[in-house]
Protein backbone atom coordinates (compact mmCIF):
# COMPACT_ATOMS: atom_id res chain seq x y z
CA MET A 1 -19.91 -18.48 -44.62
CA LYS A 2 -20.71 -15.04 -43.17
CA GLU A 3 -17.69 -12.94 -42.18
CA PHE A 4 -17.39 -11.93 -38.53
CA ILE A 5 -18.26 -8.27 -38.18
CA PHE A 6 -15.87 -5.92 -36.36
CA PRO A 7 -16.64 -2.30 -35.42
CA MET A 8 -16.30 0.27 -38.20
CA LYS A 9 -17.11 3.29 -36.01
CA ILE A 10 -15.48 4.00 -32.63
CA TYR A 11 -15.71 7.63 -31.58
CA TRP A 12 -16.33 10.03 -28.69
CA GLU A 13 -19.69 11.78 -28.98
CA GLU A 14 -18.83 14.01 -26.04
CA LYS A 15 -15.70 14.42 -23.94
CA ASP A 16 -14.26 16.78 -21.31
CA LYS A 17 -12.17 16.49 -18.13
CA THR A 18 -14.83 14.68 -16.11
CA TYR A 19 -17.41 13.25 -18.53
CA GLY A 20 -17.25 11.26 -21.73
CA ARG A 21 -19.61 9.31 -23.96
CA PHE A 22 -18.35 7.10 -26.77
CA VAL A 23 -19.94 4.81 -29.34
CA VAL A 24 -18.81 1.47 -30.77
CA GLU A 25 -20.66 0.02 -33.78
CA PRO A 26 -21.44 -2.35 -35.32
CA LEU A 27 -20.84 -5.35 -33.11
CA GLU A 28 -22.00 -8.92 -33.48
CA ARG A 29 -25.18 -9.54 -31.52
CA GLY A 30 -24.39 -9.96 -27.81
CA TYR A 31 -20.93 -8.40 -28.03
CA GLY A 32 -22.20 -4.99 -26.96
CA THR A 33 -23.23 -6.40 -23.59
CA THR A 34 -20.09 -8.56 -23.32
CA ILE A 35 -17.71 -5.65 -23.95
CA GLY A 36 -19.80 -3.18 -21.95
CA ASN A 37 -19.92 -5.37 -18.85
CA ALA A 38 -16.19 -6.14 -18.90
CA LEU A 39 -15.20 -2.50 -19.39
CA ARG A 40 -17.61 -1.23 -16.74
CA ARG A 41 -16.33 -3.66 -14.11
CA VAL A 42 -12.68 -2.76 -14.73
CA LEU A 43 -13.35 0.98 -14.83
CA LEU A 44 -15.08 0.91 -11.44
CA SER A 45 -12.64 -1.45 -9.72
CA SER A 46 -9.17 -1.17 -11.20
CA VAL A 47 -8.25 2.39 -12.20
CA TYR A 48 -5.71 3.77 -9.73
CA GLY A 49 -6.25 7.01 -7.87
CA SER A 50 -5.23 8.76 -4.64
CA ALA A 51 -7.05 9.40 -1.38
CA ILE A 52 -6.57 10.45 2.23
CA THR A 53 -6.15 7.28 4.30
CA ALA A 54 -5.31 8.77 7.72
CA ILE A 55 -5.26 12.13 9.48
CA LYS A 56 -3.77 13.52 12.65
CA ILE A 57 -5.28 16.69 14.13
CA GLU A 58 -3.37 18.47 16.87
CA GLY A 59 -5.21 18.10 20.18
CA VAL A 60 -7.61 15.42 18.90
CA GLN A 61 -7.53 11.77 19.99
CA HIS A 62 -10.50 10.32 18.07
CA GLU A 63 -13.07 11.14 15.40
CA PHE A 64 -15.88 11.90 17.87
CA SER A 65 -14.09 14.93 19.32
CA THR A 66 -14.82 18.62 18.92
CA ILE A 67 -12.16 21.28 18.36
CA GLN A 68 -12.25 24.48 20.38
CA GLY A 69 -12.58 27.49 18.08
CA ILE A 70 -13.41 25.44 14.97
CA GLN A 71 -16.93 25.57 13.53
CA GLU A 72 -16.90 21.90 12.43
CA ASP A 73 -16.56 18.88 14.68
CA VAL A 74 -14.06 16.18 13.71
CA LEU A 75 -16.59 14.05 11.82
CA GLN A 76 -17.61 17.03 9.67
CA LEU A 77 -13.96 17.88 9.15
CA ILE A 78 -13.22 14.33 7.98
CA ALA A 79 -16.16 14.44 5.55
CA ASN A 80 -14.81 17.68 4.06
CA LEU A 81 -11.28 16.27 3.76
CA LYS A 82 -12.62 13.21 1.94
CA ASN A 83 -13.95 15.56 -0.76
CA LEU A 84 -10.42 16.63 -1.68
CA ARG A 85 -9.05 15.20 -4.93
CA PHE A 86 -5.34 14.50 -5.14
CA ASP A 87 -3.09 13.69 -8.09
CA LEU A 88 -0.09 11.81 -6.66
CA LYS A 89 2.89 11.30 -9.00
CA ASP A 90 5.96 9.04 -8.68
CA SER A 91 5.06 7.92 -5.17
CA ASP A 92 2.68 5.58 -3.37
CA LEU A 93 2.52 7.62 -0.16
CA GLU A 94 2.99 11.22 0.95
CA ILE A 95 2.35 13.11 4.19
CA LEU A 96 0.82 16.57 3.71
CA TYR A 97 0.49 19.36 6.26
CA LEU A 98 -2.14 21.99 6.91
CA GLU A 99 -1.58 24.75 9.44
CA LYS A 100 -3.68 27.89 9.81
CA SER A 101 -4.01 30.19 12.81
CA THR A 102 -6.02 33.16 11.56
CA PRO A 103 -9.83 33.34 11.83
CA GLY A 104 -11.69 32.60 8.61
CA VAL A 105 -12.28 29.93 6.04
CA VAL A 106 -9.78 27.09 5.56
CA LEU A 107 -9.52 25.82 1.98
CA ALA A 108 -7.66 23.01 0.24
CA SER A 109 -5.25 25.63 -1.12
CA ASP A 110 -3.98 26.11 2.47
CA ILE A 111 -2.45 22.61 2.42
CA LYS A 112 1.30 22.49 1.84
CA THR A 113 2.09 20.09 -0.99
CA PRO A 114 5.37 18.73 -2.41
CA PRO A 115 6.03 19.10 -6.17
CA ASN A 116 4.69 15.61 -6.95
CA VAL A 117 1.27 16.21 -5.36
CA ASN A 118 -1.43 18.33 -6.96
CA ILE A 119 -4.78 19.16 -5.37
CA VAL A 120 -7.29 19.27 -8.22
CA ASN A 121 -10.02 21.14 -6.31
CA LYS A 122 -7.94 23.76 -4.49
CA ASP A 123 -11.03 25.84 -3.69
CA ALA A 124 -12.67 22.99 -1.73
CA TYR A 125 -13.92 24.00 1.71
CA ILE A 126 -12.37 22.30 4.77
CA ALA A 127 -13.34 24.26 7.89
CA THR A 128 -13.88 27.67 9.49
CA ILE A 129 -11.80 29.07 12.35
CA ASN A 130 -14.27 31.24 14.26
CA ALA A 131 -12.27 32.28 17.31
CA PRO A 132 -9.05 34.26 17.80
CA ASN A 133 -5.91 32.58 19.13
CA THR A 134 -7.05 29.31 17.54
CA SER A 135 -4.93 27.21 15.21
CA LEU A 136 -5.83 24.21 13.07
CA LYS A 137 -2.97 21.78 12.45
CA ILE A 138 -3.59 18.61 10.42
CA GLU A 139 -1.27 15.94 9.05
CA MET A 140 -2.70 13.86 6.19
CA ARG A 141 -1.50 10.53 4.81
CA ILE A 142 -2.17 10.39 1.05
CA GLU A 143 -1.85 7.05 -0.74
CA ARG A 144 -2.34 5.58 -4.19
CA GLY A 145 -4.68 2.65 -4.56
CA LYS A 146 -7.70 1.28 -6.36
CA GLY A 147 -11.32 0.68 -5.49
CA TYR A 148 -12.89 1.36 -2.09
CA VAL A 149 -10.88 0.16 0.90
CA MET A 150 -12.23 -0.01 4.46
CA SER A 151 -10.08 1.45 7.24
CA GLU A 152 -9.60 -2.03 8.77
CA GLU A 153 -7.79 -3.15 5.61
CA LEU A 154 -5.46 -0.16 5.44
CA GLU A 155 -2.04 0.02 7.00
CA GLN A 156 -2.34 1.21 10.57
CA ILE A 157 -0.09 3.82 12.20
CA GLY A 158 1.19 2.98 15.63
CA GLU A 159 1.71 6.59 16.68
CA ILE A 160 -1.06 7.88 18.96
CA GLY A 161 -3.45 10.43 17.45
CA TRP A 162 -3.71 9.10 13.90
CA ILE A 163 -7.24 8.38 12.68
CA VAL A 164 -7.40 5.84 9.84
CA LEU A 165 -10.17 6.49 7.31
CA ASP A 166 -12.08 4.48 4.72
CA ALA A 167 -10.58 5.38 1.35
CA ASP A 168 -12.29 5.76 -2.02
CA PHE A 169 -9.33 5.60 -4.39
CA SER A 170 -11.26 5.20 -7.64
CA PRO A 171 -11.26 8.30 -9.85
CA VAL A 172 -14.13 6.75 -11.85
CA LYS A 173 -17.47 7.62 -10.28
CA ILE A 174 -19.94 6.46 -12.92
CA ALA A 175 -19.57 3.88 -15.69
CA THR A 176 -22.71 2.87 -17.53
CA PHE A 177 -23.72 1.69 -20.99
CA HIS A 178 -26.65 0.73 -23.14
CA VAL A 179 -26.95 -1.43 -26.23
CA GLU A 180 -29.33 -0.87 -29.12
CA ALA A 181 -29.83 -2.45 -32.52
CA THR A 182 -28.02 -1.05 -35.57
CA ARG A 183 -28.10 -1.82 -39.29
CA VAL A 184 -25.39 -3.31 -41.49
CA ALA A 185 -26.55 -3.67 -45.10
CA ASP A 186 -29.92 -5.41 -44.91
CA ARG A 187 -29.49 -6.76 -41.38
CA THR A 188 -30.71 -4.86 -38.31
CA ASP A 189 -29.72 -7.25 -35.52
CA TYR A 190 -26.21 -5.94 -34.85
CA ASP A 191 -25.28 -4.12 -31.63
CA LYS A 192 -24.49 -0.46 -31.09
CA LEU A 193 -22.72 0.14 -27.76
CA THR A 194 -22.96 3.58 -26.15
CA PHE A 195 -20.79 3.97 -23.06
CA GLU A 196 -20.71 6.83 -20.52
CA VAL A 197 -17.91 7.54 -18.02
CA SER A 198 -17.72 10.18 -15.27
CA THR A 199 -14.56 10.80 -13.23
CA ASN A 200 -13.50 13.12 -10.42
CA GLY A 201 -11.16 15.06 -12.72
CA VAL A 202 -7.91 13.52 -11.47
CA VAL A 203 -8.05 11.12 -14.43
CA SER A 204 -9.94 12.02 -17.59
CA PRO A 205 -12.58 9.63 -18.98
CA GLU A 206 -10.39 9.01 -22.02
CA VAL A 207 -7.36 7.99 -19.93
CA ALA A 208 -9.52 5.85 -17.63
CA VAL A 209 -10.93 3.95 -20.62
CA GLN A 210 -7.45 3.51 -22.14
CA GLN A 211 -6.05 2.10 -18.88
CA SER A 212 -9.00 -0.25 -18.47
CA VAL A 213 -8.80 -1.56 -22.04
CA GLU A 214 -5.04 -2.16 -21.63
CA LEU A 215 -5.68 -4.15 -18.44
CA ILE A 216 -8.36 -6.28 -20.08
CA THR A 217 -6.13 -6.85 -23.13
CA LYS A 218 -3.20 -8.00 -20.97
CA HIS A 219 -5.37 -10.58 -19.27
CA MET A 220 -6.86 -11.81 -22.55
CA ASN A 221 -3.44 -12.06 -24.19
CA MET A 222 -2.31 -14.39 -21.42
CA LEU A 223 -5.01 -16.85 -22.50
CA THR A 224 -3.59 -17.16 -26.02
CA ASN A 225 -0.82 -19.45 -24.81
CA ILE A 226 -2.43 -21.93 -22.42
CA SER A 227 -0.02 -24.74 -21.58
CA TYR A 228 -0.97 -28.40 -21.90
CA GLU A 229 1.36 -29.23 -19.03
CA VAL A 230 0.94 -28.59 -15.35
CA PRO A 231 3.64 -26.05 -14.34
CA THR A 232 6.45 -27.67 -12.37
CA LEU A 233 7.47 -26.32 -9.00
CA PRO A 234 10.89 -24.63 -8.85
CA GLU A 235 13.79 -26.62 -7.46
CA PRO A 236 14.36 -26.12 -3.71
CA MET A 237 16.99 -23.52 -2.93
CA PRO A 238 20.34 -24.90 -1.69
CA PRO A 239 20.62 -24.55 2.13
CA ASP A 240 23.67 -22.28 2.00
CA GLU A 241 21.95 -19.92 -0.42
CA LEU A 242 18.82 -20.01 1.74
CA MET A 243 20.79 -19.06 4.84
CA GLU A 244 22.59 -16.28 3.00
CA LYS A 245 19.29 -14.70 2.01
CA LEU A 246 18.25 -14.57 5.66
CA THR A 247 20.87 -11.85 6.11
CA PHE A 248 19.42 -9.71 3.32
CA SER A 249 17.70 -6.42 4.12
CA THR A 250 13.90 -6.37 3.95
CA GLU A 251 14.40 -3.84 1.14
CA GLU A 252 15.25 -6.83 -1.07
CA LEU A 253 11.64 -8.02 -0.75
CA ASP A 254 9.32 -7.29 -3.66
CA ILE A 255 6.84 -5.28 -1.57
CA SER A 256 5.48 -1.75 -1.67
CA GLN A 257 7.15 1.12 0.12
CA ARG A 258 4.17 1.24 2.51
CA ALA A 259 4.70 -2.37 3.58
CA LEU A 260 8.45 -1.80 3.90
CA ASN A 261 7.88 1.25 6.10
CA SER A 262 5.51 -0.81 8.26
CA LEU A 263 8.26 -3.36 8.92
CA LYS A 264 10.75 -0.62 9.76
CA ARG A 265 8.33 0.85 12.30
CA ILE A 266 8.30 -2.42 14.24
CA GLY A 267 12.09 -2.75 14.05
CA VAL A 268 12.30 -5.50 11.41
CA THR A 269 15.16 -4.77 9.00
CA THR A 270 16.34 -8.20 7.78
CA ILE A 271 14.59 -11.16 6.21
CA GLY A 272 15.92 -13.38 9.00
CA GLU A 273 14.17 -11.23 11.61
CA LEU A 274 10.97 -11.24 9.58
CA VAL A 275 10.62 -15.00 8.98
CA GLN A 276 10.89 -15.72 12.71
CA LEU A 277 7.70 -13.74 13.32
CA THR A 278 4.36 -15.54 13.07
CA GLU A 279 1.39 -14.26 11.11
CA ASP A 280 -0.49 -13.63 14.37
CA GLU A 281 2.40 -11.54 15.68
CA LEU A 282 2.33 -9.35 12.58
CA LYS A 283 -1.46 -9.07 12.70
CA SER A 284 -1.30 -7.89 16.30
CA SER A 285 0.95 -5.00 15.30
CA LYS A 286 -0.96 -1.79 14.66
CA ASN A 287 1.51 -0.97 11.90
CA ILE A 288 0.74 -3.97 9.68
CA GLY A 289 -2.55 -3.94 7.77
CA ARG A 290 -4.10 -6.78 5.80
CA LYS A 291 -2.78 -5.52 2.49
CA ALA A 292 0.78 -5.20 3.77
CA LEU A 293 0.59 -8.67 5.37
CA THR A 294 -0.54 -10.24 2.09
CA GLU A 295 2.33 -8.55 0.23
CA ILE A 296 4.88 -9.74 2.79
CA LYS A 297 3.68 -13.35 2.73
CA GLU A 298 3.71 -13.46 -1.08
CA ALA A 299 7.19 -11.90 -1.29
CA LEU A 300 8.58 -14.39 1.25
CA LYS A 301 6.99 -17.28 -0.63
CA ASN A 302 8.67 -16.16 -3.85
CA MET A 303 12.04 -16.25 -2.07
CA GLY A 304 11.45 -19.70 -0.59
CA PHE A 305 10.54 -18.51 2.91
CA SER A 306 7.45 -18.25 5.10
CA LEU A 307 6.46 -16.65 8.37
CA GLY A 308 7.02 -18.57 11.61
CA MET A 309 10.24 -20.28 10.51
CA ASN A 310 12.67 -21.73 13.04
CA ILE A 311 16.04 -20.52 11.82
CA GLY A 312 17.91 -22.54 14.41
CA GLU A 313 16.28 -25.72 13.10
CA GLN A 314 17.18 -24.68 9.56
CA ARG A 315 20.85 -24.31 10.53
CA ARG A 316 20.91 -27.77 12.15
CA THR A 317 19.39 -29.24 8.98
CA GLU A 318 22.11 -27.60 6.89
CA VAL A 319 24.84 -29.06 9.11
């Protein structure tokens, strides 16, 4: 019986901060396409990055405005800001500030950043102040995420003046591959996989590939222990324990800091206050986006709760 062939050569043909090309060979016939497709999909969809998700410009109410003394209108300004590349460490959200009041070019290097935020392309152009006695003041919300997220799906900000933007979080811009035949001994029907990756420089191609392979491996490893039994539902929580958890702070929920901040903005600080709200009530709040709502519902479910609960009815049941 013929032994299964595994790759004997895996190497980078070319590699720098933004571009890499690596080769895997030999592979059993068909495995080049199988591995290439899986890796490409994960690279383009699941590598985390950072992006501007909302801006607030002093004196501007919406994106179709113009700014007195600034060469660019707001739409052009937004397009320039979207070109900025951020490396956000140890945080899911930061607010950055830009303030300039002297005529001339405004660059990314003019943005004030905390120690955990690095702007990769500091020389990127933002705007030009072309009139004296003119100032440009911008607040920017920077978040970590993955993929491309439309503004409607992002967490909204209730404060007037904030403009929520579509966000392209992915640091991977191109992921492509091709498969060709390669020889092993006297056989020429094995696969040679050549894979190319381009990133925006925040994450190197090598790191992006490593993260993607780890993610694929974790999912595949889960399939090595498929149970023959249907998982049983957890036992219902005792009523007294259930009622006690209603007094817990919303910080006890397993949700992101963004979702937690959204709840604080609408004055919800305990789980008891949260479960009495309906899903429609949360949706109607400008502070709660779809992503935050999904996180909240899942976290409540894991604790034995749901939205729209009648706590008074729960207490009568306990008695």
